[in-house]
N, C-alpha and C. Protein backbone atom coordinates (compact mmCIF):
# COMPACT_ATOMS: atom_id res chain seq x y z
N MET A 1 -20.41 15.67 -6.03
CA MET A 1 -20.86 15.63 -4.65
C MET A 1 -19.71 16.09 -3.74
N LYS A 2 -20.01 16.93 -2.78
CA LYS A 2 -18.99 17.45 -1.87
C LYS A 2 -19.13 16.79 -0.50
N TRP A 3 -18.00 16.41 0.06
CA TRP A 3 -17.98 15.85 1.41
C TRP A 3 -17.17 16.77 2.29
N PRO A 4 -17.70 17.14 3.44
CA PRO A 4 -16.95 18.03 4.33
C PRO A 4 -15.66 17.35 4.81
N GLY A 5 -14.58 18.08 4.71
CA GLY A 5 -13.30 17.56 5.20
C GLY A 5 -12.58 16.64 4.24
N TRP A 6 -13.19 16.31 3.10
CA TRP A 6 -12.57 15.36 2.18
C TRP A 6 -11.25 15.86 1.59
N PRO A 7 -11.15 17.12 1.11
CA PRO A 7 -9.87 17.55 0.54
C PRO A 7 -8.70 17.44 1.53
N GLY A 8 -8.94 17.72 2.79
CA GLY A 8 -7.89 17.59 3.80
C GLY A 8 -7.44 16.15 3.96
N ARG A 9 -8.37 15.23 3.85
CA ARG A 9 -8.04 13.82 3.98
C ARG A 9 -7.16 13.37 2.81
N ILE A 10 -7.48 13.81 1.61
CA ILE A 10 -6.68 13.46 0.45
C ILE A 10 -5.26 14.01 0.59
N GLU A 11 -5.13 15.25 1.01
CA GLU A 11 -3.81 15.85 1.16
C GLU A 11 -2.99 15.11 2.20
N SER A 12 -3.59 14.71 3.31
CA SER A 12 -2.82 14.02 4.34
C SER A 12 -2.37 12.64 3.86
N ILE A 13 -3.16 11.98 3.03
CA ILE A 13 -2.76 10.69 2.47
C ILE A 13 -1.61 10.89 1.50
N MET A 14 -1.71 11.91 0.66
CA MET A 14 -0.68 12.16 -0.34
C MET A 14 0.65 12.52 0.32
N GLU A 15 0.64 13.17 1.46
CA GLU A 15 1.86 13.60 2.12
C GLU A 15 2.53 12.48 2.91
N MET A 16 1.81 11.39 3.17
CA MET A 16 2.37 10.31 3.97
C MET A 16 3.50 9.61 3.21
N LYS A 17 4.58 9.36 3.91
CA LYS A 17 5.72 8.66 3.32
C LYS A 17 5.43 7.16 3.35
N ILE A 18 5.59 6.49 2.22
CA ILE A 18 5.38 5.05 2.12
C ILE A 18 6.75 4.38 2.06
N ILE A 19 6.99 3.46 2.99
CA ILE A 19 8.27 2.76 3.08
C ILE A 19 8.02 1.30 2.72
N VAL A 20 8.67 0.83 1.66
CA VAL A 20 8.53 -0.57 1.23
C VAL A 20 9.77 -1.32 1.72
N THR A 21 9.54 -2.36 2.53
CA THR A 21 10.66 -3.11 3.11
C THR A 21 11.43 -3.89 2.04
N GLU A 22 12.64 -4.24 2.37
CA GLU A 22 13.46 -5.05 1.46
C GLU A 22 12.80 -6.40 1.22
N HIS A 23 12.15 -6.94 2.24
CA HIS A 23 11.44 -8.22 2.09
C HIS A 23 10.36 -8.11 1.02
N ALA A 24 9.58 -7.03 1.04
CA ALA A 24 8.53 -6.83 0.05
C ALA A 24 9.13 -6.67 -1.35
N ARG A 25 10.24 -5.93 -1.45
CA ARG A 25 10.90 -5.76 -2.75
C ARG A 25 11.42 -7.10 -3.29
N LYS A 26 11.94 -7.93 -2.38
CA LYS A 26 12.44 -9.23 -2.79
C LYS A 26 11.30 -10.12 -3.30
N ARG A 27 10.16 -10.01 -2.66
CA ARG A 27 9.00 -10.82 -3.08
C ARG A 27 8.50 -10.42 -4.46
N LEU A 28 8.76 -9.19 -4.89
CA LEU A 28 8.34 -8.76 -6.23
C LEU A 28 9.00 -9.59 -7.31
N ARG A 29 10.13 -10.21 -7.01
CA ARG A 29 10.85 -11.02 -7.99
C ARG A 29 10.28 -12.44 -8.10
N ASP A 30 9.43 -12.84 -7.16
CA ASP A 30 8.81 -14.17 -7.20
C ASP A 30 7.77 -14.24 -8.30
N TYR A 31 7.54 -15.45 -8.79
CA TYR A 31 6.56 -15.67 -9.87
C TYR A 31 5.16 -15.22 -9.46
N ARG A 32 4.80 -15.49 -8.22
CA ARG A 32 3.44 -15.17 -7.76
C ARG A 32 3.16 -13.66 -7.74
N GLN A 33 4.20 -12.86 -7.61
CA GLN A 33 4.04 -11.40 -7.60
C GLN A 33 4.46 -10.79 -8.94
N ASP A 34 4.52 -11.61 -9.98
CA ASP A 34 4.94 -11.14 -11.30
C ASP A 34 4.03 -10.01 -11.79
N LYS A 35 4.62 -8.99 -12.38
CA LYS A 35 3.92 -7.84 -12.96
C LYS A 35 3.30 -6.90 -11.94
N ILE A 36 3.73 -6.97 -10.68
CA ILE A 36 3.35 -6.00 -9.66
C ILE A 36 4.57 -5.10 -9.45
N THR A 37 4.40 -3.80 -9.56
CA THR A 37 5.53 -2.88 -9.44
C THR A 37 5.53 -2.19 -8.08
N THR A 38 6.65 -1.56 -7.77
CA THR A 38 6.74 -0.78 -6.54
C THR A 38 5.73 0.37 -6.56
N ALA A 39 5.51 0.95 -7.72
CA ALA A 39 4.52 2.03 -7.84
C ALA A 39 3.12 1.54 -7.50
N ASP A 40 2.80 0.30 -7.88
CA ASP A 40 1.49 -0.29 -7.53
C ASP A 40 1.36 -0.42 -6.02
N ILE A 41 2.44 -0.82 -5.36
CA ILE A 41 2.43 -1.00 -3.91
C ILE A 41 2.25 0.35 -3.21
N VAL A 42 2.97 1.35 -3.66
CA VAL A 42 2.88 2.69 -3.06
C VAL A 42 1.48 3.25 -3.24
N THR A 43 0.90 3.08 -4.42
CA THR A 43 -0.47 3.54 -4.66
C THR A 43 -1.46 2.83 -3.74
N ALA A 44 -1.31 1.52 -3.61
CA ALA A 44 -2.22 0.74 -2.76
C ALA A 44 -2.09 1.16 -1.29
N ALA A 45 -0.86 1.28 -0.81
CA ALA A 45 -0.65 1.65 0.60
C ALA A 45 -1.17 3.06 0.88
N GLY A 46 -1.02 3.96 -0.06
CA GLY A 46 -1.50 5.32 0.11
C GLY A 46 -3.01 5.44 0.05
N SER A 47 -3.67 4.45 -0.54
CA SER A 47 -5.12 4.51 -0.68
C SER A 47 -5.86 4.02 0.56
N VAL A 48 -5.15 3.40 1.49
CA VAL A 48 -5.79 2.92 2.73
C VAL A 48 -5.98 4.11 3.67
N PRO A 49 -7.23 4.43 4.00
CA PRO A 49 -7.47 5.59 4.86
C PRO A 49 -7.21 5.30 6.34
N GLY A 50 -7.03 6.34 7.10
CA GLY A 50 -6.90 6.22 8.55
C GLY A 50 -5.51 5.82 8.99
N ARG A 51 -5.45 5.40 10.25
CA ARG A 51 -4.20 5.02 10.88
C ARG A 51 -4.19 3.51 11.09
N ILE A 52 -3.04 2.87 10.89
CA ILE A 52 -2.91 1.41 11.05
C ILE A 52 -1.93 1.15 12.19
N PRO A 53 -2.43 1.00 13.43
CA PRO A 53 -1.52 0.86 14.58
C PRO A 53 -0.81 -0.50 14.65
N THR A 54 -1.42 -1.57 14.12
CA THR A 54 -0.79 -2.89 14.13
C THR A 54 -0.73 -3.41 12.70
N ALA A 55 0.18 -4.33 12.45
CA ALA A 55 0.32 -4.90 11.11
C ALA A 55 -1.00 -5.54 10.70
N THR A 56 -1.51 -5.12 9.56
CA THR A 56 -2.83 -5.55 9.10
C THR A 56 -2.76 -5.90 7.62
N ARG A 57 -3.48 -6.96 7.24
CA ARG A 57 -3.53 -7.37 5.84
C ARG A 57 -4.72 -6.69 5.17
N PHE A 58 -4.43 -6.04 4.03
CA PHE A 58 -5.47 -5.39 3.23
C PHE A 58 -5.55 -6.13 1.91
N ARG A 59 -6.76 -6.52 1.55
CA ARG A 59 -6.96 -7.39 0.39
C ARG A 59 -7.60 -6.66 -0.79
N GLY A 60 -7.34 -7.20 -1.97
CA GLY A 60 -8.10 -6.81 -3.14
C GLY A 60 -7.58 -5.63 -3.94
N PHE A 61 -6.28 -5.39 -3.95
CA PHE A 61 -5.72 -4.32 -4.77
C PHE A 61 -5.38 -4.87 -6.15
N PHE A 62 -5.42 -4.00 -7.16
CA PHE A 62 -5.08 -4.41 -8.52
C PHE A 62 -3.89 -3.59 -9.02
N ALA A 63 -2.90 -4.29 -9.57
CA ALA A 63 -1.77 -3.63 -10.20
C ALA A 63 -2.22 -3.09 -11.56
N LYS A 64 -1.44 -2.22 -12.15
CA LYS A 64 -1.77 -1.70 -13.48
C LYS A 64 -1.83 -2.82 -14.51
N SER A 65 -1.10 -3.90 -14.27
CA SER A 65 -1.10 -5.05 -15.18
C SER A 65 -2.38 -5.88 -15.05
N GLY A 66 -3.18 -5.61 -14.01
CA GLY A 66 -4.41 -6.37 -13.78
C GLY A 66 -4.26 -7.45 -12.73
N ARG A 67 -3.06 -7.66 -12.25
CA ARG A 67 -2.81 -8.70 -11.24
C ARG A 67 -3.34 -8.25 -9.89
N MET A 68 -4.03 -9.14 -9.19
CA MET A 68 -4.59 -8.83 -7.87
C MET A 68 -3.54 -9.14 -6.80
N PHE A 69 -3.51 -8.32 -5.74
CA PHE A 69 -2.56 -8.56 -4.67
C PHE A 69 -3.08 -7.99 -3.35
N ASP A 70 -2.49 -8.47 -2.26
CA ASP A 70 -2.77 -7.99 -0.91
C ASP A 70 -1.49 -7.35 -0.37
N ILE A 71 -1.64 -6.47 0.60
CA ILE A 71 -0.47 -5.91 1.28
C ILE A 71 -0.64 -6.07 2.79
N VAL A 72 0.47 -6.15 3.49
CA VAL A 72 0.48 -6.10 4.94
C VAL A 72 1.23 -4.83 5.30
N ALA A 73 0.55 -3.94 6.01
CA ALA A 73 1.13 -2.63 6.31
C ALA A 73 0.89 -2.24 7.76
N LYS A 74 1.69 -1.27 8.20
CA LYS A 74 1.59 -0.75 9.56
C LYS A 74 2.11 0.68 9.56
N ASP A 75 1.48 1.56 10.32
CA ASP A 75 1.96 2.93 10.43
C ASP A 75 3.01 3.01 11.53
N ILE A 76 4.14 3.64 11.19
CA ILE A 76 5.20 3.89 12.17
C ILE A 76 5.44 5.39 12.21
N SER A 77 6.31 5.83 13.08
CA SER A 77 6.51 7.27 13.26
C SER A 77 7.00 7.97 11.99
N SER A 78 7.73 7.27 11.13
CA SER A 78 8.27 7.92 9.94
C SER A 78 7.40 7.74 8.69
N GLY A 79 6.27 7.04 8.80
CA GLY A 79 5.39 6.87 7.65
C GLY A 79 4.64 5.55 7.70
N ARG A 80 4.22 5.08 6.53
CA ARG A 80 3.50 3.81 6.43
C ARG A 80 4.45 2.75 5.91
N LEU A 81 4.63 1.70 6.70
CA LEU A 81 5.56 0.63 6.38
C LEU A 81 4.79 -0.51 5.70
N VAL A 82 5.20 -0.86 4.48
CA VAL A 82 4.63 -2.02 3.78
C VAL A 82 5.55 -3.19 4.07
N ILE A 83 5.04 -4.14 4.85
CA ILE A 83 5.86 -5.24 5.33
C ILE A 83 6.02 -6.32 4.26
N THR A 84 4.94 -6.70 3.61
CA THR A 84 5.01 -7.71 2.56
C THR A 84 3.86 -7.55 1.60
N ILE A 85 3.97 -8.23 0.47
CA ILE A 85 2.88 -8.28 -0.52
C ILE A 85 2.59 -9.73 -0.84
N ILE A 86 1.35 -10.00 -1.17
CA ILE A 86 0.92 -11.34 -1.49
C ILE A 86 0.18 -11.29 -2.82
N GLY A 87 0.74 -11.88 -3.85
CA GLY A 87 0.10 -11.91 -5.16
C GLY A 87 -0.96 -13.00 -5.20
N LYS A 88 -1.97 -12.80 -6.02
CA LYS A 88 -3.05 -13.79 -6.16
C LYS A 88 -2.96 -14.47 -7.51
């Protein structure tokens, strides 16, 4: 099935720079975020379509390990900032 404008949307998402804060990286070491990798976070943040003007919680992402997690992200001038992650 073809959607008008869809390839352009994919390219713009792929080109967006994803910035993971030190706080989010530190939380990856906690037990609750066990088996969630930085690559999982970047994939999740890149999959959120559109623009995020204020910090917003996005729920229901799955790491490659199968662990469910949420992210809090916001778009800034230099890319998409992942503020924190919440493991389930």
